[in-house]
Amino acid sequence: MDAQKVDMFIVANARYFKPTMITSIREKLLSLDDSKGGAIQSVGYKDPTTALIVSILLGYLGIDRFYIGNTVLGLLKLLTCGGASVWTIVDWFLIMDSTRDRNAELLAAAIN
């Protein structure tokens, strides 16, 4: 891909990924051909801040895990009422990184 397009992608979507991932994402995107650009732009990345808000409000029901695409963990959290609220509180601190990891998985799937 063109360096300018890659930089525009990084500027527009940097909040969806961990800061340590940005350089490797940039390198991978630079090595791609332009035909993959549309597929990468069309991926529905999840916002980590929205995931945190959902986790705070509805985390005990597992809605935060459903939001980021972890249906198995969402079901487990729903059935255990957030792991007797312990899992819910732990997720308040971990859900943003989990969302960013999930976005990286979505990007890797779009690249391949």
PDB file of N, CA and C in Angstrom:
ATOM      1  N   MET A   1       0.838  -1.181   0.000  1.00  0.00           N
ATOM      2  CA  MET A   1       0.000   0.000   0.000  1.00  0.00           C
ATOM      3  C   MET A   1       0.878   1.237   0.000  1.00  0.00           C
ATOM      4  N   ASP A   2       0.300   2.297  -0.426  1.00  0.00           N
ATOM      5  CA  ASP A   2       0.986   3.578  -0.462  1.00  0.00           C
ATOM      6  C   ASP A   2       1.232   4.070   0.968  1.00  0.00           C
ATOM      7  N   ALA A   3       2.379   4.661   1.211  1.00  0.00           N
ATOM      8  CA  ALA A   3       2.743   5.114   2.555  1.00  0.00           C
ATOM      9  C   ALA A   3       1.756   6.156   3.085  1.00  0.00           C
ATOM     10  N   GLN A   4       1.250   6.990   2.207  1.00  0.00           N
ATOM     11  CA  GLN A   4       0.300   8.014   2.634  1.00  0.00           C
ATOM     12  C   GLN A   4      -1.018   7.375   3.103  1.00  0.00           C
ATOM     13  N   LYS A   5      -1.486   6.365   2.404  1.00  0.00           N
ATOM     14  CA  LYS A   5      -2.706   5.664   2.802  1.00  0.00           C
ATOM     15  C   LYS A   5      -2.512   4.939   4.126  1.00  0.00           C
ATOM     16  N   VAL A   6      -1.349   4.350   4.289  1.00  0.00           N
ATOM     17  CA  VAL A   6      -1.053   3.645   5.543  1.00  0.00           C
ATOM     18  C   VAL A   6      -1.031   4.633   6.704  1.00  0.00           C
ATOM     19  N   ASP A   7      -0.394   5.777   6.501  1.00  0.00           N
ATOM     20  CA  ASP A   7      -0.337   6.779   7.567  1.00  0.00           C
ATOM     21  C   ASP A   7      -1.729   7.306   7.911  1.00  0.00           C
ATOM     22  N   MET A   8      -2.566   7.490   6.908  1.00  0.00           N
ATOM     23  CA  MET A   8      -3.939   7.939   7.162  1.00  0.00           C
ATOM     24  C   MET A   8      -4.723   6.875   7.948  1.00  0.00           C
ATOM     25  N   PHE A   9      -4.504   5.610   7.624  1.00  0.00           N
ATOM     26  CA  PHE A   9      -5.147   4.531   8.365  1.00  0.00           C
ATOM     27  C   PHE A   9      -4.696   4.544   9.817  1.00  0.00           C
ATOM     28  N   ILE A  10      -3.402   4.714  10.030  1.00  0.00           N
ATOM     29  CA  ILE A  10      -2.856   4.728  11.394  1.00  0.00           C
ATOM     30  C   ILE A  10      -3.425   5.895  12.187  1.00  0.00           C
ATOM     31  N   VAL A  11      -3.476   7.064  11.583  1.00  0.00           N
ATOM     32  CA  VAL A  11      -4.001   8.245  12.281  1.00  0.00           C
ATOM     33  C   VAL A  11      -5.479   8.038  12.643  1.00  0.00           C
ATOM     34  N   ALA A  12      -6.242   7.492  11.708  1.00  0.00           N
ATOM     35  CA  ALA A  12      -7.675   7.328  11.939  1.00  0.00           C
ATOM     36  C   ALA A  12      -8.002   6.199  12.912  1.00  0.00           C
ATOM     37  N   ASN A  13      -7.157   5.184  12.986  1.00  0.00           N
ATOM     38  CA  ASN A  13      -7.500   3.984  13.753  1.00  0.00           C
ATOM     39  C   ASN A  13      -6.528   3.640  14.871  1.00  0.00           C
ATOM     40  N   ALA A  14      -5.627   4.501  15.223  1.00  0.00           N
ATOM     41  CA  ALA A  14      -4.617   4.175  16.241  1.00  0.00           C
ATOM     42  C   ALA A  14      -5.242   3.864  17.597  1.00  0.00           C
ATOM     43  N   ARG A  15      -6.359   4.484  17.907  1.00  0.00           N
ATOM     44  CA  ARG A  15      -6.973   4.256  19.230  1.00  0.00           C
ATOM     45  C   ARG A  15      -7.520   2.838  19.382  1.00  0.00           C
ATOM     46  N   TYR A  16      -7.696   2.130  18.286  1.00  0.00           N
ATOM     47  CA  TYR A  16      -8.232   0.778  18.329  1.00  0.00           C
ATOM     48  C   TYR A  16      -7.167  -0.279  18.608  1.00  0.00           C
ATOM     49  N   PHE A  17      -5.899   0.107  18.625  1.00  0.00           N
ATOM     50  CA  PHE A  17      -4.802  -0.850  18.783  1.00  0.00           C
ATOM     51  C   PHE A  17      -3.882  -0.405  19.917  1.00  0.00           C
ATOM     52  N   LYS A  18      -3.137  -1.360  20.456  1.00  0.00           N
ATOM     53  CA  LYS A  18      -2.145  -1.029  21.486  1.00  0.00           C
ATOM     54  C   LYS A  18      -1.040  -0.186  20.850  1.00  0.00           C
ATOM     55  N   PRO A  19      -0.514   0.784  21.572  1.00  0.00           N
ATOM     56  CA  PRO A  19       0.564   1.616  21.018  1.00  0.00           C
ATOM     57  C   PRO A  19       1.791   0.816  20.593  1.00  0.00           C
ATOM     58  N   THR A  20       2.046  -0.299  21.247  1.00  0.00           N
ATOM     59  CA  THR A  20       3.204  -1.112  20.889  1.00  0.00           C
ATOM     60  C   THR A  20       3.005  -1.850  19.567  1.00  0.00           C
ATOM     61  N   MET A  21       1.771  -1.961  19.111  1.00  0.00           N
ATOM     62  CA  MET A  21       1.468  -2.670  17.869  1.00  0.00           C
ATOM     63  C   MET A  21       1.556  -1.773  16.630  1.00  0.00           C
ATOM     64  N   ILE A  22       1.544  -0.484  16.813  1.00  0.00           N
ATOM     65  CA  ILE A  22       1.401   0.444  15.689  1.00  0.00           C
ATOM     66  C   ILE A  22       2.533   0.292  14.672  1.00  0.00           C
ATOM     67  N   THR A  23       3.771   0.165  15.113  1.00  0.00           N
ATOM     68  CA  THR A  23       4.873   0.062  14.151  1.00  0.00           C
ATOM     69  C   THR A  23       4.803  -1.233  13.355  1.00  0.00           C
ATOM     70  N   SER A  24       4.434  -2.334  14.004  1.00  0.00           N
ATOM     71  CA  SER A  24       4.337  -3.587  13.258  1.00  0.00           C
ATOM     72  C   SER A  24       3.144  -3.569  12.303  1.00  0.00           C
ATOM     73  N   ILE A  25       2.058  -2.930  12.702  1.00  0.00           N
ATOM     74  CA  ILE A  25       0.913  -2.794  11.799  1.00  0.00           C
ATOM     75  C   ILE A  25       1.299  -1.965  10.589  1.00  0.00           C
ATOM     76  N   ARG A  26       2.032  -0.890  10.819  1.00  0.00           N
ATOM     77  CA  ARG A  26       2.458  -0.029   9.709  1.00  0.00           C
ATOM     78  C   ARG A  26       3.340  -0.801   8.726  1.00  0.00           C
ATOM     79  N   GLU A  27       4.272  -1.579   9.247  1.00  0.00           N
ATOM     80  CA  GLU A  27       5.148  -2.369   8.382  1.00  0.00           C
ATOM     81  C   GLU A  27       4.371  -3.400   7.569  1.00  0.00           C
ATOM     82  N   LYS A  28       3.402  -4.058   8.209  1.00  0.00           N
ATOM     83  CA  LYS A  28       2.598  -5.048   7.492  1.00  0.00           C
ATOM     84  C   LYS A  28       1.772  -4.391   6.393  1.00  0.00           C
ATOM     85  N   LEU A  29       1.198  -3.235   6.694  1.00  0.00           N
ATOM     86  CA  LEU A  29       0.367  -2.550   5.706  1.00  0.00           C
ATOM     87  C   LEU A  29       1.195  -2.024   4.539  1.00  0.00           C
ATOM     88  N   LEU A  30       2.405  -1.587   4.809  1.00  0.00           N
ATOM     89  CA  LEU A  30       3.261  -1.102   3.732  1.00  0.00           C
ATOM     90  C   LEU A  30       3.640  -2.217   2.764  1.00  0.00           C
ATOM     91  N   SER A  31       3.693  -3.444   3.252  1.00  0.00           N
ATOM     92  CA  SER A  31       4.078  -4.558   2.394  1.00  0.00           C
ATOM     93  C   SER A  31       2.917  -5.116   1.572  1.00  0.00           C
ATOM     94  N   LEU A  32       1.696  -4.648   1.829  1.00  0.00           N
ATOM     95  CA  LEU A  32       0.522  -5.139   1.109  1.00  0.00           C
ATOM     96  C   LEU A  32       0.341  -4.412  -0.217  1.00  0.00           C
ATOM     97  N   ASP A  33      -0.406  -5.050  -1.112  1.00  0.00           N
ATOM     98  CA  ASP A  33      -0.780  -4.359  -2.334  1.00  0.00           C
ATOM     99  C   ASP A  33      -2.072  -3.573  -2.091  1.00  0.00           C
ATOM    100  N   ASP A  34      -2.406  -2.666  -3.010  1.00  0.00           N
ATOM    101  CA  ASP A  34      -3.543  -1.766  -2.816  1.00  0.00           C
ATOM    102  C   ASP A  34      -4.889  -2.475  -2.839  1.00  0.00           C
ATOM    103  N   SER A  35      -4.960  -3.678  -3.347  1.00  0.00           N
ATOM    104  CA  SER A  35      -6.239  -4.381  -3.425  1.00  0.00           C
ATOM    105  C   SER A  35      -6.800  -4.738  -2.042  1.00  0.00           C
ATOM    106  N   LYS A  36      -5.963  -4.864  -1.040  1.00  0.00           N
ATOM    107  CA  LYS A  36      -6.398  -5.201   0.316  1.00  0.00           C
ATOM    108  C   LYS A  36      -6.849  -3.965   1.102  1.00  0.00           C
ATOM    109  N   GLY A  37      -6.601  -2.778   0.575  1.00  0.00           N
ATOM    110  CA  GLY A  37      -6.931  -1.546   1.293  1.00  0.00           C
ATOM    111  C   GLY A  37      -8.396  -1.421   1.631  1.00  0.00           C
ATOM    112  N   GLY A  38      -9.259  -1.770   0.702  1.00  0.00           N
ATOM    113  CA  GLY A  38     -10.692  -1.683   0.960  1.00  0.00           C
ATOM    114  C   GLY A  38     -11.150  -2.641   2.037  1.00  0.00           C
ATOM    115  N   ALA A  39     -10.598  -3.843   2.031  1.00  0.00           N
ATOM    116  CA  ALA A  39     -10.968  -4.833   3.044  1.00  0.00           C
ATOM    117  C   ALA A  39     -10.534  -4.396   4.436  1.00  0.00           C
ATOM    118  N   ILE A  40      -9.384  -3.771   4.517  1.00  0.00           N
ATOM    119  CA  ILE A  40      -8.874  -3.323   5.810  1.00  0.00           C
ATOM    120  C   ILE A  40      -9.704  -2.162   6.347  1.00  0.00           C
ATOM    121  N   GLN A  41     -10.110  -1.268   5.452  1.00  0.00           N
ATOM    122  CA  GLN A  41     -10.921  -0.121   5.869  1.00  0.00           C
ATOM    123  C   GLN A  41     -12.332  -0.521   6.279  1.00  0.00           C
ATOM    124  N   SER A  42     -12.835  -1.620   5.732  1.00  0.00           N
ATOM    125  CA  SER A  42     -14.224  -2.011   5.997  1.00  0.00           C
ATOM    126  C   SER A  42     -14.400  -2.847   7.263  1.00  0.00           C
ATOM    127  N   VAL A  43     -13.313  -3.198   7.919  1.00  0.00           N
ATOM    128  CA  VAL A  43     -13.404  -3.985   9.155  1.00  0.00           C
ATOM    129  C   VAL A  43     -14.032  -3.124  10.249  1.00  0.00           C
ATOM    130  N   GLY A  44     -14.957  -3.695  10.980  1.00  0.00           N
ATOM    131  CA  GLY A  44     -15.619  -2.981  12.064  1.00  0.00           C
ATOM    132  C   GLY A  44     -14.852  -3.113  13.364  1.00  0.00           C
ATOM    133  N   TYR A  45     -13.919  -2.200  13.588  1.00  0.00           N
ATOM    134  CA  TYR A  45     -13.135  -2.231  14.818  1.00  0.00           C
ATOM    135  C   TYR A  45     -13.998  -1.763  15.984  1.00  0.00           C
ATOM    136  N   LYS A  46     -13.793  -2.354  17.127  1.00  0.00           N
ATOM    137  CA  LYS A  46     -14.546  -2.005  18.332  1.00  0.00           C
ATOM    138  C   LYS A  46     -13.771  -0.956  19.123  1.00  0.00           C
ATOM    139  N   ASP A  47     -14.490   0.018  19.650  1.00  0.00           N
ATOM    140  CA  ASP A  47     -13.871   1.099  20.402  1.00  0.00           C
ATOM    141  C   ASP A  47     -13.613   0.647  21.846  1.00  0.00           C
ATOM    142  N   PRO A  48     -12.361   0.714  22.306  1.00  0.00           N
ATOM    143  CA  PRO A  48     -12.056   0.296  23.681  1.00  0.00           C
ATOM    144  C   PRO A  48     -12.773   1.112  24.748  1.00  0.00           C
ATOM    145  N   THR A  49     -13.000   2.395  24.498  1.00  0.00           N
ATOM    146  CA  THR A  49     -13.701   3.221  25.480  1.00  0.00           C
ATOM    147  C   THR A  49     -15.160   2.795  25.601  1.00  0.00           C
ATOM    148  N   THR A  50     -15.779   2.496  24.487  1.00  0.00           N
ATOM    149  CA  THR A  50     -17.155   1.999  24.513  1.00  0.00           C
ATOM    150  C   THR A  50     -17.221   0.665  25.248  1.00  0.00           C
ATOM    151  N   ALA A  51     -16.233  -0.179  25.018  1.00  0.00           N
ATOM    152  CA  ALA A  51     -16.194  -1.466  25.720  1.00  0.00           C
ATOM    153  C   ALA A  51     -16.077  -1.266  27.228  1.00  0.00           C
ATOM    154  N   LEU A  52     -15.306  -0.281  27.646  1.00  0.00           N
ATOM    155  CA  LEU A  52     -15.172   0.004  29.078  1.00  0.00           C
ATOM    156  C   LEU A  52     -16.497   0.491  29.663  1.00  0.00           C
ATOM    157  N   ILE A  53     -17.175   1.373  28.955  1.00  0.00           N
ATOM    158  CA  ILE A  53     -18.460   1.879  29.442  1.00  0.00           C
ATOM    159  C   ILE A  53     -19.481   0.749  29.529  1.00  0.00           C
ATOM    160  N   VAL A  54     -19.518  -0.091  28.510  1.00  0.00           N
ATOM    161  CA  VAL A  54     -20.432  -1.238  28.531  1.00  0.00           C
ATOM    162  C   VAL A  54     -20.057  -2.173  29.678  1.00  0.00           C
ATOM    163  N   SER A  55     -18.774  -2.347  29.922  1.00  0.00           N
ATOM    164  CA  SER A  55     -18.327  -3.220  31.005  1.00  0.00           C
ATOM    165  C   SER A  55     -18.746  -2.682  32.365  1.00  0.00           C
ATOM    166  N   ILE A  56     -18.646  -1.376  32.534  1.00  0.00           N
ATOM    167  CA  ILE A  56     -19.032  -0.782  33.813  1.00  0.00           C
ATOM    168  C   ILE A  56     -20.539  -0.899  34.032  1.00  0.00           C
ATOM    169  N   LEU A  57     -21.313  -0.664  32.969  1.00  0.00           N
ATOM    170  CA  LEU A  57     -22.764  -0.657  33.120  1.00  0.00           C
ATOM    171  C   LEU A  57     -23.393  -2.049  33.075  1.00  0.00           C
ATOM    172  N   LEU A  58     -22.931  -2.897  32.154  1.00  0.00           N
ATOM    173  CA  LEU A  58     -23.577  -4.195  31.936  1.00  0.00           C
ATOM    174  C   LEU A  58     -22.600  -5.364  31.966  1.00  0.00           C
ATOM    175  N   GLY A  59     -21.452  -5.171  32.573  1.00  0.00           N
ATOM    176  CA  GLY A  59     -20.436  -6.210  32.602  1.00  0.00           C
ATOM    177  C   GLY A  59     -20.848  -7.451  33.354  1.00  0.00           C
ATOM    178  N   TYR A  60     -21.689  -7.297  34.352  1.00  0.00           N
ATOM    179  CA  TYR A  60     -22.115  -8.467  35.123  1.00  0.00           C
ATOM    180  C   TYR A  60     -22.974  -9.415  34.299  1.00  0.00           C
ATOM    181  N   LEU A  61     -23.504  -8.936  33.157  1.00  0.00           N
ATOM    182  CA  LEU A  61     -24.275  -9.787  32.256  1.00  0.00           C
ATOM    183  C   LEU A  61     -23.433 -10.338  31.104  1.00  0.00           C
ATOM    184  N   GLY A  62     -22.183  -9.936  31.025  1.00  0.00           N
ATOM    185  CA  GLY A  62     -21.309 -10.407  29.967  1.00  0.00           C
ATOM    186  C   GLY A  62     -21.464  -9.652  28.659  1.00  0.00           C
ATOM    187  N   ILE A  63     -22.218  -8.576  28.666  1.00  0.00           N
ATOM    188  CA  ILE A  63     -22.470  -7.812  27.444  1.00  0.00           C
ATOM    189  C   ILE A  63     -21.169  -7.248  26.877  1.00  0.00           C
ATOM    190  N   ASP A  64     -20.229  -6.906  27.734  1.00  0.00           N
ATOM    191  CA  ASP A  64     -18.943  -6.383  27.261  1.00  0.00           C
ATOM    192  C   ASP A  64     -18.199  -7.417  26.427  1.00  0.00           C
ATOM    193  N   ARG A  65     -18.259  -8.666  26.827  1.00  0.00           N
ATOM    194  CA  ARG A  65     -17.582  -9.728  26.078  1.00  0.00           C
ATOM    195  C   ARG A  65     -18.318 -10.035  24.774  1.00  0.00           C
ATOM    196  N   PHE A  66     -19.641  -9.959  24.808  1.00  0.00           N
ATOM    197  CA  PHE A  66     -20.400 -10.112  23.572  1.00  0.00           C
ATOM    198  C   PHE A  66     -20.060  -8.973  22.609  1.00  0.00           C
ATOM    199  N   TYR A  67     -19.895  -7.765  23.128  1.00  0.00           N
ATOM    200  CA  TYR A  67     -19.593  -6.593  22.301  1.00  0.00           C
ATOM    201  C   TYR A  67     -18.294  -6.768  21.520  1.00  0.00           C
ATOM    202  N   ILE A  68     -17.268  -7.324  22.166  1.00  0.00           N
ATOM    203  CA  ILE A  68     -15.990  -7.458  21.470  1.00  0.00           C
ATOM    204  C   ILE A  68     -15.879  -8.765  20.689  1.00  0.00           C
ATOM    205  N   GLY A  69     -16.889  -9.620  20.790  1.00  0.00           N
ATOM    206  CA  GLY A  69     -16.902 -10.824  19.978  1.00  0.00           C
ATOM    207  C   GLY A  69     -16.509 -12.096  20.699  1.00  0.00           C
ATOM    208  N   ASN A  70     -16.327 -12.052  21.981  1.00  0.00           N
ATOM    209  CA  ASN A  70     -16.004 -13.245  22.769  1.00  0.00           C
ATOM    210  C   ASN A  70     -17.293 -13.841  23.324  1.00  0.00           C
ATOM    211  N   THR A  71     -18.006 -14.591  22.484  1.00  0.00           N
ATOM    212  CA  THR A  71     -19.313 -15.094  22.901  1.00  0.00           C
ATOM    213  C   THR A  71     -19.211 -16.161  23.988  1.00  0.00           C
ATOM    214  N   VAL A  72     -18.185 -16.976  23.944  1.00  0.00           N
ATOM    215  CA  VAL A  72     -18.039 -18.027  24.967  1.00  0.00           C
ATOM    216  C   VAL A  72     -17.822 -17.391  26.342  1.00  0.00           C
ATOM    217  N   LEU A  73     -16.921 -16.417  26.412  1.00  0.00           N
ATOM    218  CA  LEU A  73     -16.694 -15.742  27.695  1.00  0.00           C
ATOM    219  C   LEU A  73     -17.912 -14.935  28.117  1.00  0.00           C
ATOM    220  N   GLY A  74     -18.614 -14.372  27.139  1.00  0.00           N
ATOM    221  CA  GLY A  74     -19.841 -13.651  27.450  1.00  0.00           C
ATOM    222  C   GLY A  74     -20.892 -14.560  28.066  1.00  0.00           C
ATOM    223  N   LEU A  75     -21.047 -15.755  27.503  1.00  0.00           N
ATOM    224  CA  LEU A  75     -22.004 -16.712  28.066  1.00  0.00           C
ATOM    225  C   LEU A  75     -21.604 -17.163  29.466  1.00  0.00           C
ATOM    226  N   LEU A  76     -20.320 -17.440  29.644  1.00  0.00           N
ATOM    227  CA  LEU A  76     -19.851 -17.843  30.977  1.00  0.00           C
ATOM    228  C   LEU A  76     -20.073 -16.738  32.001  1.00  0.00           C
ATOM    229  N   LYS A  77     -19.813 -15.519  31.578  1.00  0.00           N
ATOM    230  CA  LYS A  77     -20.007 -14.395  32.483  1.00  0.00           C
ATOM    231  C   LYS A  77     -21.489 -14.189  32.790  1.00  0.00           C
ATOM    232  N   LEU A  78     -22.326 -14.404  31.798  1.00  0.00           N
ATOM    233  CA  LEU A  78     -23.769 -14.279  31.993  1.00  0.00           C
ATOM    234  C   LEU A  78     -24.290 -15.341  32.945  1.00  0.00           C
ATOM    235  N   LEU A  79     -23.843 -16.579  32.764  1.00  0.00           N
ATOM    236  CA  LEU A  79     -24.331 -17.680  33.593  1.00  0.00           C
ATOM    237  C   LEU A  79     -23.837 -17.605  35.032  1.00  0.00           C
ATOM    238  N   THR A  80     -22.685 -16.973  35.249  1.00  0.00           N
ATOM    239  CA  THR A  80     -22.134 -16.885  36.610  1.00  0.00           C
ATOM    240  C   THR A  80     -22.348 -15.510  37.239  1.00  0.00           C
ATOM    241  N   CYS A  81     -23.185 -14.687  36.600  1.00  0.00           N
ATOM    242  CA  CYS A  81     -23.418 -13.308  37.075  1.00  0.00           C
ATOM    243  C   CYS A  81     -22.108 -12.563  37.260  1.00  0.00           C
ATOM    244  N   GLY A  82     -21.276 -12.641  36.243  1.00  0.00           N
ATOM    245  CA  GLY A  82     -19.993 -11.960  36.290  1.00  0.00           C
ATOM    246  C   GLY A  82     -19.005 -12.617  37.216  1.00  0.00           C
ATOM    247  N   GLY A  83     -19.122 -13.925  37.379  1.00  0.00           N
ATOM    248  CA  GLY A  83     -18.209 -14.632  38.289  1.00  0.00           C
ATOM    249  C   GLY A  83     -18.359 -14.136  39.704  1.00  0.00           C
ATOM    250  N   ALA A  84     -19.623 -14.023  40.142  1.00  0.00           N
ATOM    251  CA  ALA A  84     -19.958 -13.478  41.466  1.00  0.00           C
ATOM    252  C   ALA A  84     -19.371 -12.081  41.629  1.00  0.00           C
ATOM    253  N   SER A  85     -19.408 -11.312  40.566  1.00  0.00           N
ATOM    254  CA  SER A  85     -18.952  -9.918  40.485  1.00  0.00           C
ATOM    255  C   SER A  85     -17.440  -9.750  40.486  1.00  0.00           C
ATOM    256  N   VAL A  86     -16.708 -10.794  40.781  1.00  0.00           N
ATOM    257  CA  VAL A  86     -15.242 -10.688  40.772  1.00  0.00           C
ATOM    258  C   VAL A  86     -14.738 -10.508  39.346  1.00  0.00           C
ATOM    259  N   TRP A  87     -15.241 -11.312  38.445  1.00  0.00           N
ATOM    260  CA  TRP A  87     -14.840 -11.248  37.047  1.00  0.00           C
ATOM    261  C   TRP A  87     -15.213  -9.897  36.448  1.00  0.00           C
ATOM    262  N   THR A  88     -16.360  -9.373  36.859  1.00  0.00           N
ATOM    263  CA  THR A  88     -16.804  -8.070  36.368  1.00  0.00           C
ATOM    264  C   THR A  88     -15.813  -6.984  36.756  1.00  0.00           C
ATOM    265  N   ILE A  89     -15.392  -6.978  37.985  1.00  0.00           N
ATOM    266  CA  ILE A  89     -14.458  -5.948  38.470  1.00  0.00           C
ATOM    267  C   ILE A  89     -13.096  -6.105  37.790  1.00  0.00           C
ATOM    268  N   VAL A  90     -12.637  -7.322  37.606  1.00  0.00           N
ATOM    269  CA  VAL A  90     -11.364  -7.550  36.920  1.00  0.00           C
ATOM    270  C   VAL A  90     -11.452  -7.058  35.476  1.00  0.00           C
ATOM    271  N   ASP A  91     -12.588  -7.292  34.830  1.00  0.00           N
ATOM    272  CA  ASP A  91     -12.755  -6.857  33.447  1.00  0.00           C
ATOM    273  C   ASP A  91     -12.749  -5.340  33.295  1.00  0.00           C
ATOM    274  N   TRP A  92     -13.105  -4.606  34.320  1.00  0.00           N
ATOM    275  CA  TRP A  92     -13.037  -3.150  34.228  1.00  0.00           C
ATOM    276  C   TRP A  92     -11.609  -2.696  33.933  1.00  0.00           C
ATOM    277  N   PHE A  93     -10.646  -3.468  34.382  1.00  0.00           N
ATOM    278  CA  PHE A  93      -9.244  -3.120  34.158  1.00  0.00           C
ATOM    279  C   PHE A  93      -8.659  -3.767  32.904  1.00  0.00           C
ATOM    280  N   LEU A  94      -9.261  -4.853  32.439  1.00  0.00           N
ATOM    281  CA  LEU A  94      -8.695  -5.613  31.323  1.00  0.00           C
ATOM    282  C   LEU A  94      -9.431  -5.463  29.997  1.00  0.00           C
ATOM    283  N   ILE A  95     -10.652  -4.957  30.003  1.00  0.00           N
ATOM    284  CA  ILE A  95     -11.480  -4.990  28.798  1.00  0.00           C
ATOM    285  C   ILE A  95     -10.923  -4.120  27.678  1.00  0.00           C
ATOM    286  N   MET A  96     -10.272  -3.025  28.001  1.00  0.00           N
ATOM    287  CA  MET A  96      -9.740  -2.165  26.939  1.00  0.00           C
ATOM    288  C   MET A  96      -8.616  -2.866  26.180  1.00  0.00           C
ATOM    289  N   ASP A  97      -7.723  -3.526  26.900  1.00  0.00           N
ATOM    290  CA  ASP A  97      -6.656  -4.283  26.229  1.00  0.00           C
ATOM    291  C   ASP A  97      -7.218  -5.482  25.473  1.00  0.00           C
ATOM    292  N   SER A  98      -8.234  -6.124  26.024  1.00  0.00           N
ATOM    293  CA  SER A  98      -8.864  -7.244  25.324  1.00  0.00           C
ATOM    294  C   SER A  98      -9.504  -6.775  24.021  1.00  0.00           C
ATOM    295  N   THR A  99     -10.095  -5.592  24.051  1.00  0.00           N
ATOM    296  CA  THR A  99     -10.701  -5.036  22.845  1.00  0.00           C
ATOM    297  C   THR A  99      -9.636  -4.726  21.803  1.00  0.00           C
ATOM    298  N   ARG A 100      -8.531  -4.166  22.242  1.00  0.00           N
ATOM    299  CA  ARG A 100      -7.442  -3.854  21.304  1.00  0.00           C
ATOM    300  C   ARG A 100      -6.828  -5.126  20.721  1.00  0.00           C
ATOM    301  N   ASP A 101      -6.709  -6.165  21.528  1.00  0.00           N
ATOM    302  CA  ASP A 101      -6.214  -7.451  21.020  1.00  0.00           C
ATOM    303  C   ASP A 101      -7.171  -8.030  19.990  1.00  0.00           C
ATOM    304  N   ARG A 102      -8.463  -7.933  20.262  1.00  0.00           N
ATOM    305  CA  ARG A 102      -9.471  -8.435  19.322  1.00  0.00           C
ATOM    306  C   ARG A 102      -9.418  -7.655  18.006  1.00  0.00           C
ATOM    307  N   ASN A 103      -9.215  -6.341  18.088  1.00  0.00           N
ATOM    308  CA  ASN A 103      -9.083  -5.530  16.871  1.00  0.00           C
ATOM    309  C   ASN A 103      -7.860  -5.947  16.064  1.00  0.00           C
ATOM    310  N   ALA A 104      -6.780  -6.293  16.750  1.00  0.00           N
ATOM    311  CA  ALA A 104      -5.580  -6.763  16.044  1.00  0.00           C
ATOM    312  C   ALA A 104      -5.861  -8.087  15.347  1.00  0.00           C
ATOM    313  N   GLU A 105      -6.646  -8.956  15.974  1.00  0.00           N
ATOM    314  CA  GLU A 105      -7.026 -10.218  15.335  1.00  0.00           C
ATOM    315  C   GLU A 105      -7.879  -9.967  14.094  1.00  0.00           C
ATOM    316  N   LEU A 106      -8.799  -9.007  14.182  1.00  0.00           N
ATOM    317  CA  LEU A 106      -9.643  -8.667  13.037  1.00  0.00           C
ATOM    318  C   LEU A 106      -8.812  -8.102  11.886  1.00  0.00           C
ATOM    319  N   LEU A 107      -7.814  -7.273  12.222  1.00  0.00           N
ATOM    320  CA  LEU A 107      -6.936  -6.720  11.197  1.00  0.00           C
ATOM    321  C   LEU A 107      -6.103  -7.820  10.542  1.00  0.00           C
ATOM    322  N   ALA A 108      -5.585  -8.746  11.345  1.00  0.00           N
ATOM    323  CA  ALA A 108      -4.789  -9.848  10.792  1.00  0.00           C
ATOM    324  C   ALA A 108      -5.646 -10.710   9.872  1.00  0.00           C
ATOM    325  N   ALA A 109      -6.900 -10.926  10.235  1.00  0.00           N
ATOM    326  CA  ALA A 109      -7.789 -11.709   9.359  1.00  0.00           C
ATOM    327  C   ALA A 109      -8.070 -10.974   8.068  1.00  0.00           C
ATOM    328  N   ALA A 110      -8.187  -9.653   8.119  1.00  0.00           N
ATOM    329  CA  ALA A 110      -8.432  -8.872   6.892  1.00  0.00           C
ATOM    330  C   ALA A 110      -7.208  -8.835   6.001  1.00  0.00           C
ATOM    331  N   ILE A 111      -6.025  -8.863   6.596  1.00  0.00           N
ATOM    332  CA  ILE A 111      -4.786  -8.855   5.795  1.00  0.00           C
ATOM    333  C   ILE A 111      -4.630 -10.174   5.088  1.00  0.00           C
ATOM    334  N   ASN A 112      -4.949 -11.268   5.745  1.00  0.00           N
ATOM    335  CA  ASN A 112      -4.795 -12.607   5.150  1.00  0.00           C
ATOM    336  C   ASN A 112      -6.004 -12.927   4.395  1.00  0.00           C
TER     337      ASN A 112
END
